């Protein structure tokens, strides 16, 4: 599985749990941190945690273990590091505050509209 396919699987998992405003940003050409960021918003602190849990579960099912988790006890931002793909699950307020899309505007947004249709 390519890292793009992995990022898309993450987007599908988030979509399945009703995440809001899911974005996949290719950053491999502008950073050594990772190949892709997947960014999504949860509607409550419980939803943010449920989204992170679902991503971790779904990726584990296809053979990818999370390398590192940050912010799980937080109410607003959970980061799941799968090495080549980093997942950011935010509350609406935290996403607006940190504005990763602006910070990583030199990255390339991947069109995932086809996989988000149910």
PDB file of N, CA and C in Angstrom:
ATOM      1  N   UNK A   1       0.852  -1.185   0.000  1.00  0.00           N
ATOM      2  CA  UNK A   1       0.000   0.000   0.000  1.00  0.00           C
ATOM      3  C   UNK A   1       0.893   1.243   0.000  1.00  0.00           C
ATOM      4  N   UNK A   2       0.610   2.158  -0.896  1.00  0.00           N
ATOM      5  CA  UNK A   2       1.378   3.405  -0.930  1.00  0.00           C
ATOM      6  C   UNK A   2       0.939   4.306   0.220  1.00  0.00           C
ATOM      7  N   UNK A   3       1.736   5.327   0.483  1.00  0.00           N
ATOM      8  CA  UNK A   3       1.359   6.251   1.553  1.00  0.00           C
ATOM      9  C   UNK A   3       0.095   7.036   1.175  1.00  0.00           C
ATOM     10  N   UNK A   4      -0.093   7.312  -0.110  1.00  0.00           N
ATOM     11  CA  UNK A   4      -1.327   7.974  -0.539  1.00  0.00           C
ATOM     12  C   UNK A   4      -2.530   7.074  -0.272  1.00  0.00           C
ATOM     13  N   UNK A   5      -2.420   5.799  -0.571  1.00  0.00           N
ATOM     14  CA  UNK A   5      -3.507   4.857  -0.293  1.00  0.00           C
ATOM     15  C   UNK A   5      -3.776   4.775   1.206  1.00  0.00           C
ATOM     16  N   UNK A   6      -2.720   4.805   2.003  1.00  0.00           N
ATOM     17  CA  UNK A   6      -2.875   4.789   3.454  1.00  0.00           C
ATOM     18  C   UNK A   6      -3.624   6.050   3.916  1.00  0.00           C
ATOM     19  N   UNK A   7      -3.247   7.191   3.390  1.00  0.00           N
ATOM     20  CA  UNK A   7      -3.924   8.443   3.743  1.00  0.00           C
ATOM     21  C   UNK A   7      -5.402   8.382   3.354  1.00  0.00           C
ATOM     22  N   UNK A   8      -5.685   7.795   2.204  1.00  0.00           N
ATOM     23  CA  UNK A   8      -7.078   7.677   1.768  1.00  0.00           C
ATOM     24  C   UNK A   8      -7.863   6.720   2.656  1.00  0.00           C
ATOM     25  N   UNK A   9      -7.234   5.649   3.117  1.00  0.00           N
ATOM     26  CA  UNK A   9      -7.901   4.736   4.056  1.00  0.00           C
ATOM     27  C   UNK A   9      -8.246   5.451   5.354  1.00  0.00           C
ATOM     28  N   UNK A  10      -7.345   6.307   5.791  1.00  0.00           N
ATOM     29  CA  UNK A  10      -7.601   7.092   6.996  1.00  0.00           C
ATOM     30  C   UNK A  10      -8.784   8.026   6.767  1.00  0.00           C
ATOM     31  N   UNK A  11      -8.799   8.679   5.612  1.00  0.00           N
ATOM     32  CA  UNK A  11      -9.920   9.570   5.283  1.00  0.00           C
ATOM     33  C   UNK A  11     -11.233   8.807   5.259  1.00  0.00           C
ATOM     34  N   UNK A  12     -11.223   7.591   4.715  1.00  0.00           N
ATOM     35  CA  UNK A  12     -12.435   6.766   4.696  1.00  0.00           C
ATOM     36  C   UNK A  12     -12.898   6.425   6.108  1.00  0.00           C
ATOM     37  N   UNK A  13     -11.946   6.075   6.973  1.00  0.00           N
ATOM     38  CA  UNK A  13     -12.293   5.748   8.359  1.00  0.00           C
ATOM     39  C   UNK A  13     -12.910   6.962   9.053  1.00  0.00           C
ATOM     40  N   UNK A  14     -12.323   8.128   8.841  1.00  0.00           N
ATOM     41  CA  UNK A  14     -12.864   9.352   9.428  1.00  0.00           C
ATOM     42  C   UNK A  14     -14.253   9.658   8.882  1.00  0.00           C
ATOM     43  N   UNK A  15     -14.412   9.484   7.594  1.00  0.00           N
ATOM     44  CA  UNK A  15     -15.705   9.726   6.962  1.00  0.00           C
ATOM     45  C   UNK A  15     -16.771   8.768   7.503  1.00  0.00           C
ATOM     46  N   UNK A  16     -16.388   7.535   7.743  1.00  0.00           N
ATOM     47  CA  UNK A  16     -17.321   6.543   8.274  1.00  0.00           C
ATOM     48  C   UNK A  16     -17.840   6.893   9.659  1.00  0.00           C
ATOM     49  N   UNK A  17     -17.075   7.677  10.387  1.00  0.00           N
ATOM     50  CA  UNK A  17     -17.493   8.116  11.724  1.00  0.00           C
ATOM     51  C   UNK A  17     -17.975   9.565  11.728  1.00  0.00           C
ATOM     52  N   UNK A  18     -18.300  10.067  10.530  1.00  0.00           N
ATOM     53  CA  UNK A  18     -18.923  11.390  10.379  1.00  0.00           C
ATOM     54  C   UNK A  18     -18.013  12.561  10.766  1.00  0.00           C
ATOM     55  N   UNK A  19     -16.713  12.451  10.473  1.00  0.00           N
ATOM     56  CA  UNK A  19     -15.817  13.591  10.663  1.00  0.00           C
ATOM     57  C   UNK A  19     -16.228  14.706   9.707  1.00  0.00           C
ATOM     58  N   UNK A  20     -15.897  15.916  10.070  1.00  0.00           N
ATOM     59  CA  UNK A  20     -16.250  17.095   9.289  1.00  0.00           C
ATOM     60  C   UNK A  20     -14.992  17.642   8.609  1.00  0.00           C
ATOM     61  N   UNK A  21     -15.158  18.116   7.370  1.00  0.00           N
ATOM     62  CA  UNK A  21     -14.101  18.836   6.654  1.00  0.00           C
ATOM     63  C   UNK A  21     -12.778  18.052   6.615  1.00  0.00           C
ATOM     64  N   UNK A  22     -12.812  16.858   6.075  1.00  0.00           N
ATOM     65  CA  UNK A  22     -11.626  16.007   5.979  1.00  0.00           C
ATOM     66  C   UNK A  22     -10.749  16.494   4.838  1.00  0.00           C
ATOM     67  N   UNK A  23      -9.471  16.661   5.126  1.00  0.00           N
ATOM     68  CA  UNK A  23      -8.497  17.100   4.121  1.00  0.00           C
ATOM     69  C   UNK A  23      -7.289  16.168   4.155  1.00  0.00           C
ATOM     70  N   UNK A  24      -6.743  15.892   2.971  1.00  0.00           N
ATOM     71  CA  UNK A  24      -5.478  15.174   2.854  1.00  0.00           C
ATOM     72  C   UNK A  24      -4.525  16.127   2.149  1.00  0.00           C
ATOM     73  N   UNK A  25      -3.386  16.396   2.784  1.00  0.00           N
ATOM     74  CA  UNK A  25      -2.402  17.319   2.229  1.00  0.00           C
ATOM     75  C   UNK A  25      -1.078  16.584   2.036  1.00  0.00           C
ATOM     76  N   UNK A  26      -0.598  16.604   0.809  1.00  0.00           N
ATOM     77  CA  UNK A  26       0.706  16.007   0.488  1.00  0.00           C
ATOM     78  C   UNK A  26       1.784  17.005   0.883  1.00  0.00           C
ATOM     79  N   UNK A  27       2.649  16.605   1.840  1.00  0.00           N
ATOM     80  CA  UNK A  27       3.695  17.509   2.312  1.00  0.00           C
ATOM     81  C   UNK A  27       5.095  16.978   2.028  1.00  0.00           C
ATOM     82  N   UNK A  28       5.205  15.814   1.392  1.00  0.00           N
ATOM     83  CA  UNK A  28       6.513  15.197   1.208  1.00  0.00           C
ATOM     84  C   UNK A  28       7.484  16.061   0.412  1.00  0.00           C
ATOM     85  N   UNK A  29       6.971  16.935  -0.446  1.00  0.00           N
ATOM     86  CA  UNK A  29       7.854  17.794  -1.240  1.00  0.00           C
ATOM     87  C   UNK A  29       8.302  19.043  -0.496  1.00  0.00           C
ATOM     88  N   UNK A  30       7.670  19.336   0.641  1.00  0.00           N
ATOM     89  CA  UNK A  30       8.009  20.556   1.375  1.00  0.00           C
ATOM     90  C   UNK A  30       8.494  20.292   2.801  1.00  0.00           C
ATOM     91  N   UNK A  31       8.531  19.031   3.223  1.00  0.00           N
ATOM     92  CA  UNK A  31       8.920  18.717   4.599  1.00  0.00           C
ATOM     93  C   UNK A  31       9.458  17.293   4.702  1.00  0.00           C
ATOM     94  N   UNK A  32      10.308  17.084   5.686  1.00  0.00           N
ATOM     95  CA  UNK A  32      10.789  15.725   5.958  1.00  0.00           C
ATOM     96  C   UNK A  32       9.988  15.059   7.071  1.00  0.00           C
ATOM     97  N   UNK A  33       9.003  15.781   7.617  1.00  0.00           N
ATOM     98  CA  UNK A  33       8.194  15.238   8.709  1.00  0.00           C
ATOM     99  C   UNK A  33       7.450  13.973   8.321  1.00  0.00           C
ATOM    100  N   UNK A  34       6.847  14.006   7.156  1.00  0.00           N
ATOM    101  CA  UNK A  34       5.941  12.943   6.746  1.00  0.00           C
ATOM    102  C   UNK A  34       5.631  13.128   5.266  1.00  0.00           C
ATOM    103  N   UNK A  35       4.901  12.170   4.692  1.00  0.00           N
ATOM    104  CA  UNK A  35       4.463  12.312   3.302  1.00  0.00           C
ATOM    105  C   UNK A  35       3.115  13.029   3.207  1.00  0.00           C
ATOM    106  N   UNK A  36       2.215  12.731   4.156  1.00  0.00           N
ATOM    107  CA  UNK A  36       0.860  13.293   4.107  1.00  0.00           C
ATOM    108  C   UNK A  36       0.388  13.677   5.496  1.00  0.00           C
ATOM    109  N   UNK A  37      -0.423  14.714   5.544  1.00  0.00           N
ATOM    110  CA  UNK A  37      -1.229  15.046   6.706  1.00  0.00           C
ATOM    111  C   UNK A  37      -2.672  14.727   6.339  1.00  0.00           C
ATOM    112  N   UNK A  38      -3.392  14.146   7.279  1.00  0.00           N
ATOM    113  CA  UNK A  38      -4.840  14.020   7.150  1.00  0.00           C
ATOM    114  C   UNK A  38      -5.412  14.836   8.304  1.00  0.00           C
ATOM    115  N   UNK A  39      -6.282  15.770   7.970  1.00  0.00           N
ATOM    116  CA  UNK A  39      -6.845  16.691   8.958  1.00  0.00           C
ATOM    117  C   UNK A  39      -8.362  16.546   8.946  1.00  0.00           C
ATOM    118  N   UNK A  40      -8.949  16.479  10.138  1.00  0.00           N
ATOM    119  CA  UNK A  40     -10.404  16.353  10.239  1.00  0.00           C
ATOM    120  C   UNK A  40     -10.881  17.025  11.517  1.00  0.00           C
ATOM    121  N   UNK A  41     -12.175  17.300  11.548  1.00  0.00           N
ATOM    122  CA  UNK A  41     -12.792  17.950  12.696  1.00  0.00           C
ATOM    123  C   UNK A  41     -13.869  17.056  13.284  1.00  0.00           C
ATOM    124  N   UNK A  42     -13.882  16.987  14.613  1.00  0.00           N
ATOM    125  CA  UNK A  42     -14.947  16.317  15.344  1.00  0.00           C
ATOM    126  C   UNK A  42     -15.902  17.348  15.915  1.00  0.00           C
ATOM    127  N   UNK A  43     -17.122  16.945  16.158  1.00  0.00           N
ATOM    128  CA  UNK A  43     -18.154  17.884  16.604  1.00  0.00           C
ATOM    129  C   UNK A  43     -18.203  18.075  18.123  1.00  0.00           C
ATOM    130  N   UNK A  44     -17.464  17.256  18.860  1.00  0.00           N
ATOM    131  CA  UNK A  44     -17.388  17.369  20.321  1.00  0.00           C
ATOM    132  C   UNK A  44     -16.107  16.678  20.770  1.00  0.00           C
ATOM    133  N   UNK A  45     -15.752  16.833  22.036  1.00  0.00           N
ATOM    134  CA  UNK A  45     -14.547  16.163  22.536  1.00  0.00           C
ATOM    135  C   UNK A  45     -14.696  14.640  22.461  1.00  0.00           C
ATOM    136  N   UNK A  46     -15.897  14.150  22.707  1.00  0.00           N
ATOM    137  CA  UNK A  46     -16.152  12.711  22.596  1.00  0.00           C
ATOM    138  C   UNK A  46     -16.004  12.247  21.150  1.00  0.00           C
ATOM    139  N   UNK A  47     -16.496  13.046  20.222  1.00  0.00           N
ATOM    140  CA  UNK A  47     -16.393  12.715  18.800  1.00  0.00           C
ATOM    141  C   UNK A  47     -14.930  12.732  18.345  1.00  0.00           C
ATOM    142  N   UNK A  48     -14.151  13.700  18.804  1.00  0.00           N
ATOM    143  CA  UNK A  48     -12.723  13.766  18.466  1.00  0.00           C
ATOM    144  C   UNK A  48     -12.030  12.468  18.887  1.00  0.00           C
ATOM    145  N   UNK A  49     -12.298  12.012  20.094  1.00  0.00           N
ATOM    146  CA  UNK A  49     -11.687  10.772  20.587  1.00  0.00           C
ATOM    147  C   UNK A  49     -12.189   9.560  19.813  1.00  0.00           C
ATOM    148  N   UNK A  50     -13.471   9.529  19.496  1.00  0.00           N
ATOM    149  CA  UNK A  50     -14.032   8.412  18.726  1.00  0.00           C
ATOM    150  C   UNK A  50     -13.409   8.353  17.331  1.00  0.00           C
ATOM    151  N   UNK A  51     -13.184   9.502  16.723  1.00  0.00           N
ATOM    152  CA  UNK A  51     -12.552   9.538  15.407  1.00  0.00           C
ATOM    153  C   UNK A  51     -11.127   8.993  15.471  1.00  0.00           C
ATOM    154  N   UNK A  52     -10.373   9.445  16.465  1.00  0.00           N
ATOM    155  CA  UNK A  52      -8.997   8.951  16.620  1.00  0.00           C
ATOM    156  C   UNK A  52      -8.980   7.448  16.874  1.00  0.00           C
ATOM    157  N   UNK A  53      -9.877   6.969  17.726  1.00  0.00           N
ATOM    158  CA  UNK A  53      -9.960   5.530  18.013  1.00  0.00           C
ATOM    159  C   UNK A  53     -10.280   4.741  16.750  1.00  0.00           C
ATOM    160  N   UNK A  54     -11.196   5.254  15.936  1.00  0.00           N
ATOM    161  CA  UNK A  54     -11.594   4.560  14.715  1.00  0.00           C
ATOM    162  C   UNK A  54     -10.441   4.478  13.712  1.00  0.00           C
ATOM    163  N   UNK A  55      -9.712   5.561  13.566  1.00  0.00           N
ATOM    164  CA  UNK A  55      -8.558   5.548  12.662  1.00  0.00           C
ATOM    165  C   UNK A  55      -7.531   4.529  13.137  1.00  0.00           C
ATOM    166  N   UNK A  56      -7.229   4.553  14.414  1.00  0.00           N
ATOM    167  CA  UNK A  56      -6.248   3.605  14.955  1.00  0.00           C
ATOM    168  C   UNK A  56      -6.715   2.165  14.747  1.00  0.00           C
ATOM    169  N   UNK A  57      -7.986   1.896  15.001  1.00  0.00           N
ATOM    170  CA  UNK A  57      -8.543   0.551  14.823  1.00  0.00           C
ATOM    171  C   UNK A  57      -8.493   0.115  13.358  1.00  0.00           C
ATOM    172  N   UNK A  58      -9.000   0.969  12.458  1.00  0.00           N
ATOM    173  CA  UNK A  58      -9.065   0.605  11.039  1.00  0.00           C
ATOM    174  C   UNK A  58      -7.674   0.383  10.438  1.00  0.00           C
ATOM    175  N   UNK A  59      -6.717   1.228  10.811  1.00  0.00           N
ATOM    176  CA  UNK A  59      -5.369   1.068  10.271  1.00  0.00           C
ATOM    177  C   UNK A  59      -4.688  -0.167  10.854  1.00  0.00           C
ATOM    178  N   UNK A  60      -4.959  -0.447  12.105  1.00  0.00           N
ATOM    179  CA  UNK A  60      -4.411  -1.663  12.717  1.00  0.00           C
ATOM    180  C   UNK A  60      -4.945  -2.904  12.002  1.00  0.00           C
ATOM    181  N   UNK A  61      -6.206  -2.854  11.597  1.00  0.00           N
ATOM    182  CA  UNK A  61      -6.829  -3.979  10.888  1.00  0.00           C
ATOM    183  C   UNK A  61      -6.150  -4.273   9.551  1.00  0.00           C
ATOM    184  N   UNK A  62      -5.555  -3.273   8.924  1.00  0.00           N
ATOM    185  CA  UNK A  62      -4.879  -3.499   7.641  1.00  0.00           C
ATOM    186  C   UNK A  62      -3.354  -3.512   7.788  1.00  0.00           C
ATOM    187  N   UNK A  63      -2.895  -3.616   9.044  1.00  0.00           N
ATOM    188  CA  UNK A  63      -1.480  -3.845   9.277  1.00  0.00           C
ATOM    189  C   UNK A  63      -0.617  -2.636   9.580  1.00  0.00           C
ATOM    190  N   UNK A  64      -1.219  -1.511   9.921  1.00  0.00           N
ATOM    191  CA  UNK A  64      -0.456  -0.310  10.249  1.00  0.00           C
ATOM    192  C   UNK A  64      -0.697   0.079  11.697  1.00  0.00           C
ATOM    193  N   UNK A  65       0.365   0.076  12.478  1.00  0.00           N
ATOM    194  CA  UNK A  65       0.253   0.465  13.877  1.00  0.00           C
ATOM    195  C   UNK A  65       0.656   1.921  14.033  1.00  0.00           C
ATOM    196  N   UNK A  66      -0.023   2.597  14.919  1.00  0.00           N
ATOM    197  CA  UNK A  66       0.326   3.989  15.189  1.00  0.00           C
ATOM    198  C   UNK A  66       1.672   4.005  15.918  1.00  0.00           C
ATOM    199  N   UNK A  67       2.540   4.887  15.488  1.00  0.00           N
ATOM    200  CA  UNK A  67       3.866   5.010  16.079  1.00  0.00           C
ATOM    201  C   UNK A  67       3.833   5.846  17.357  1.00  0.00           C
ATOM    202  N   UNK A  68       3.004   6.879  17.330  1.00  0.00           N
ATOM    203  CA  UNK A  68       2.950   7.805  18.458  1.00  0.00           C
ATOM    204  C   UNK A  68       1.597   8.510  18.479  1.00  0.00           C
ATOM    205  N   UNK A  69       1.082   8.733  19.676  1.00  0.00           N
ATOM    206  CA  UNK A  69      -0.180   9.461  19.848  1.00  0.00           C
ATOM    207  C   UNK A  69       0.076  10.635  20.784  1.00  0.00           C
ATOM    208  N   UNK A  70      -0.428  11.792  20.411  1.00  0.00           N
ATOM    209  CA  UNK A  70      -0.340  12.982  21.255  1.00  0.00           C
ATOM    210  C   UNK A  70      -1.735  13.549  21.475  1.00  0.00           C
ATOM    211  N   UNK A  71      -1.964  14.092  22.659  1.00  0.00           N
ATOM    212  CA  UNK A  71      -3.182  14.847  22.921  1.00  0.00           C
ATOM    213  C   UNK A  71      -4.416  14.028  23.220  1.00  0.00           C
ATOM    214  N   UNK A  72      -4.274  12.728  23.463  1.00  0.00           N
ATOM    215  CA  UNK A  72      -5.469  11.918  23.662  1.00  0.00           C
ATOM    216  C   UNK A  72      -6.280  12.371  24.873  1.00  0.00           C
ATOM    217  N   UNK A  73      -5.625  12.890  25.859  1.00  0.00           N
ATOM    218  CA  UNK A  73      -6.350  13.371  27.044  1.00  0.00           C
ATOM    219  C   UNK A  73      -6.908  14.778  26.839  1.00  0.00           C
ATOM    220  N   UNK A  74      -6.526  15.366  25.736  1.00  0.00           N
ATOM    221  CA  UNK A  74      -7.006  16.705  25.398  1.00  0.00           C
ATOM    222  C   UNK A  74      -8.455  16.639  24.937  1.00  0.00           C
ATOM    223  N   UNK A  75      -9.111  17.749  24.982  1.00  0.00           N
ATOM    224  CA  UNK A  75     -10.472  17.834  24.478  1.00  0.00           C
ATOM    225  C   UNK A  75     -10.532  18.411  23.076  1.00  0.00           C
ATOM    226  N   UNK A  76      -9.356  18.762  22.509  1.00  0.00           N
ATOM    227  CA  UNK A  76      -9.427  19.542  21.289  1.00  0.00           C
ATOM    228  C   UNK A  76      -8.561  19.081  20.119  1.00  0.00           C
ATOM    229  N   UNK A  77      -7.478  18.337  20.358  1.00  0.00           N
ATOM    230  CA  UNK A  77      -6.587  17.968  19.257  1.00  0.00           C
ATOM    231  C   UNK A  77      -5.889  16.662  19.580  1.00  0.00           C
ATOM    232  N   UNK A  78      -6.081  15.685  18.723  1.00  0.00           N
ATOM    233  CA  UNK A  78      -5.364  14.418  18.857  1.00  0.00           C
ATOM    234  C   UNK A  78      -4.547  14.211  17.595  1.00  0.00           C
ATOM    235  N   UNK A  79      -3.267  13.879  17.786  1.00  0.00           N
ATOM    236  CA  UNK A  79      -2.367  13.599  16.684  1.00  0.00           C
ATOM    237  C   UNK A  79      -2.026  12.119  16.698  1.00  0.00           C
ATOM    238  N   UNK A  80      -2.197  11.459  15.561  1.00  0.00           N
ATOM    239  CA  UNK A  80      -1.813  10.058  15.393  1.00  0.00           C
ATOM    240  C   UNK A  80      -0.693  10.008  14.360  1.00  0.00           C
ATOM    241  N   UNK A  81       0.467   9.516  14.761  1.00  0.00           N
ATOM    242  CA  UNK A  81       1.619   9.484  13.877  1.00  0.00           C
ATOM    243  C   UNK A  81       1.805   8.064  13.344  1.00  0.00           C
ATOM    244  N   UNK A  82       1.528   7.894  12.062  1.00  0.00           N
ATOM    245  CA  UNK A  82       1.759   6.618  11.393  1.00  0.00           C
ATOM    246  C   UNK A  82       3.045   6.676  10.573  1.00  0.00           C
ATOM    247  N   UNK A  83       3.965   7.562  10.933  1.00  0.00           N
ATOM    248  CA  UNK A  83       5.264   7.822  10.327  1.00  0.00           C
ATOM    249  C   UNK A  83       5.118   8.520   8.965  1.00  0.00           C
ATOM    250  N   UNK A  84       4.615   7.824   7.964  1.00  0.00           N
ATOM    251  CA  UNK A  84       4.484   8.423   6.634  1.00  0.00           C
ATOM    252  C   UNK A  84       3.211   9.243   6.482  1.00  0.00           C
ATOM    253  N   UNK A  85       2.268   9.046   7.394  1.00  0.00           N
ATOM    254  CA  UNK A  85       1.010   9.803   7.397  1.00  0.00           C
ATOM    255  C   UNK A  85       0.745  10.240   8.837  1.00  0.00           C
ATOM    256  N   UNK A  86       0.517  11.521   9.013  1.00  0.00           N
ATOM    257  CA  UNK A  86       0.195  12.061  10.330  1.00  0.00           C
ATOM    258  C   UNK A  86      -1.248  12.545  10.300  1.00  0.00           C
ATOM    259  N   UNK A  87      -2.017  12.104  11.287  1.00  0.00           N
ATOM    260  CA  UNK A  87      -3.438  12.422  11.363  1.00  0.00           C
ATOM    261  C   UNK A  87      -3.663  13.448  12.471  1.00  0.00           C
ATOM    262  N   UNK A  88      -4.382  14.505  12.144  1.00  0.00           N
ATOM    263  CA  UNK A  88      -4.747  15.540  13.103  1.00  0.00           C
ATOM    264  C   UNK A  88      -6.267  15.558  13.205  1.00  0.00           C
ATOM    265  N   UNK A  89      -6.785  15.267  14.394  1.00  0.00           N
ATOM    266  CA  UNK A  89      -8.231  15.329  14.620  1.00  0.00           C
ATOM    267  C   UNK A  89      -8.472  16.451  15.623  1.00  0.00           C
ATOM    268  N   UNK A  90      -9.215  17.450  15.182  1.00  0.00           N
ATOM    269  CA  UNK A  90      -9.419  18.667  15.958  1.00  0.00           C
ATOM    270  C   UNK A  90     -10.872  18.849  16.365  1.00  0.00           C
ATOM    271  N   UNK A  91     -11.042  19.640  17.431  1.00  0.00           N
ATOM    272  CA  UNK A  91     -12.336  20.270  17.651  1.00  0.00           C
ATOM    273  C   UNK A  91     -12.399  21.432  16.668  1.00  0.00           C
ATOM    274  N   UNK A  92     -13.577  21.964  16.441  1.00  0.00           N
ATOM    275  CA  UNK A  92     -13.732  23.072  15.502  1.00  0.00           C
ATOM    276  C   UNK A  92     -12.899  24.286  15.926  1.00  0.00           C
ATOM    277  N   UNK A  93     -12.930  24.610  17.199  1.00  0.00           N
ATOM    278  CA  UNK A  93     -12.205  25.775  17.698  1.00  0.00           C
ATOM    279  C   UNK A  93     -10.693  25.597  17.547  1.00  0.00           C
ATOM    280  N   UNK A  94     -10.191  24.421  17.878  1.00  0.00           N
ATOM    281  CA  UNK A  94      -8.748  24.169  17.780  1.00  0.00           C
ATOM    282  C   UNK A  94      -8.292  24.176  16.326  1.00  0.00           C
ATOM    283  N   UNK A  95      -9.108  23.634  15.445  1.00  0.00           N
ATOM    284  CA  UNK A  95      -8.720  23.625  14.034  1.00  0.00           C
ATOM    285  C   UNK A  95      -8.619  25.044  13.492  1.00  0.00           C
ATOM    286  N   UNK A  96      -9.580  25.867  13.864  1.00  0.00           N
ATOM    287  CA  UNK A  96      -9.548  27.262  13.431  1.00  0.00           C
ATOM    288  C   UNK A  96      -8.336  27.985  14.019  1.00  0.00           C
ATOM    289  N   UNK A  97      -8.032  27.717  15.281  1.00  0.00           N
ATOM    290  CA  UNK A  97      -6.916  28.385  15.964  1.00  0.00           C
ATOM    291  C   UNK A  97      -5.567  28.006  15.348  1.00  0.00           C
ATOM    292  N   UNK A  98      -5.321  26.711  15.163  1.00  0.00           N
ATOM    293  CA  UNK A  98      -4.019  26.256  14.663  1.00  0.00           C
ATOM    294  C   UNK A  98      -3.885  26.385  13.151  1.00  0.00           C
ATOM    295  N   UNK A  99      -4.983  26.337  12.434  1.00  0.00           N
ATOM    296  CA  UNK A  99      -5.034  26.592  10.990  1.00  0.00           C
ATOM    297  C   UNK A  99      -3.899  25.912  10.217  1.00  0.00           C
ATOM    298  N   UNK A 100      -3.802  24.591  10.355  1.00  0.00           N
ATOM    299  CA  UNK A 100      -2.742  23.847   9.674  1.00  0.00           C
ATOM    300  C   UNK A 100      -2.794  23.977   8.161  1.00  0.00           C
ATOM    301  N   UNK A 101      -3.978  24.122   7.624  1.00  0.00           N
ATOM    302  CA  UNK A 101      -4.080  24.287   6.176  1.00  0.00           C
ATOM    303  C   UNK A 101      -3.324  25.531   5.711  1.00  0.00           C
ATOM    304  N   UNK A 102      -3.361  26.584   6.486  1.00  0.00           N
ATOM    305  CA  UNK A 102      -2.620  27.802   6.147  1.00  0.00           C
ATOM    306  C   UNK A 102      -1.129  27.580   6.344  1.00  0.00           C
ATOM    307  N   UNK A 103      -0.759  26.951   7.457  1.00  0.00           N
ATOM    308  CA  UNK A 103       0.654  26.708   7.740  1.00  0.00           C
ATOM    309  C   UNK A 103       1.316  25.811   6.694  1.00  0.00           C
ATOM    310  N   UNK A 104       0.537  24.880   6.138  1.00  0.00           N
ATOM    311  CA  UNK A 104       1.063  23.936   5.156  1.00  0.00           C
ATOM    312  C   UNK A 104       0.525  24.229   3.754  1.00  0.00           C
ATOM    313  N   UNK A 105       0.289  25.503   3.473  1.00  0.00           N
ATOM    314  CA  UNK A 105      -0.279  25.878   2.181  1.00  0.00           C
ATOM    315  C   UNK A 105       0.645  25.545   1.012  1.00  0.00           C
ATOM    316  N   UNK A 106       1.927  25.340   1.271  1.00  0.00           N
ATOM    317  CA  UNK A 106       2.854  24.944   0.207  1.00  0.00           C
ATOM    318  C   UNK A 106       2.702  23.472  -0.150  1.00  0.00           C
ATOM    319  N   UNK A 107       1.987  22.735   0.681  1.00  0.00           N
ATOM    320  CA  UNK A 107       1.675  21.342   0.359  1.00  0.00           C
ATOM    321  C   UNK A 107       0.579  21.292  -0.692  1.00  0.00           C
ATOM    322  N   UNK A 108       0.339  20.099  -1.187  1.00  0.00           N
ATOM    323  CA  UNK A 108      -0.665  19.915  -2.246  1.00  0.00           C
ATOM    324  C   UNK A 108      -1.880  19.193  -1.679  1.00  0.00           C
ATOM    325  N   UNK A 109      -3.035  19.847  -1.734  1.00  0.00           N
ATOM    326  CA  UNK A 109      -4.257  19.198  -1.261  1.00  0.00           C
ATOM    327  C   UNK A 109      -4.673  18.104  -2.249  1.00  0.00           C
ATOM    328  N   UNK A 110      -4.938  16.925  -1.725  1.00  0.00           N
ATOM    329  CA  UNK A 110      -5.320  15.782  -2.530  1.00  0.00           C
ATOM    330  C   UNK A 110      -6.845  15.769  -2.661  1.00  0.00           C
ATOM    331  N   UNK A 111      -7.335  15.559  -3.854  1.00  0.00           N
ATOM    332  CA  UNK A 111      -8.768  15.481  -4.075  1.00  0.00           C
ATOM    333  C   UNK A 111      -9.268  14.116  -3.590  1.00  0.00           C
ATOM    334  N   UNK A 112     -10.057  14.143  -2.527  1.00  0.00           N
ATOM    335  CA  UNK A 112     -10.602  12.898  -1.963  1.00  0.00           C
ATOM    336  C   UNK A 112     -12.119  12.867  -2.079  1.00  0.00           C
ATOM    337  N   UNK A 113     -12.685  13.753  -2.876  1.00  0.00           N
ATOM    338  CA  UNK A 113     -14.137  13.847  -2.971  1.00  0.00           C
ATOM    339  C   UNK A 113     -14.770  12.522  -3.407  1.00  0.00           C
ATOM    340  N   UNK A 114     -14.111  11.765  -4.262  1.00  0.00           N
ATOM    341  CA  UNK A 114     -14.674  10.498  -4.747  1.00  0.00           C
ATOM    342  C   UNK A 114     -14.783   9.464  -3.631  1.00  0.00           C
ATOM    343  N   UNK A 115     -13.868   9.484  -2.683  1.00  0.00           N
ATOM    344  CA  UNK A 115     -13.923   8.469  -1.617  1.00  0.00           C
ATOM    345  C   UNK A 115     -14.805   8.887  -0.458  1.00  0.00           C
ATOM    346  N   UNK A 116     -15.183  10.153  -0.406  1.00  0.00           N
ATOM    347  CA  UNK A 116     -16.011  10.625   0.694  1.00  0.00           C
ATOM    348  C   UNK A 116     -17.495  10.518   0.402  1.00  0.00           C
ATOM    349  N   UNK A 117     -17.859  10.180  -0.802  1.00  0.00           N
ATOM    350  CA  UNK A 117     -19.278  10.036  -1.139  1.00  0.00           C
ATOM    351  C   UNK A 117     -19.807   8.717  -0.588  1.00  0.00           C
ATOM    352  N   UNK A 118     -20.940   8.807   0.073  1.00  0.00           N
ATOM    353  CA  UNK A 118     -21.571   7.586   0.613  1.00  0.00           C
ATOM    354  C   UNK A 118     -22.855   7.297  -0.116  1.00  0.00           C
TER     355      UNK A 118
END
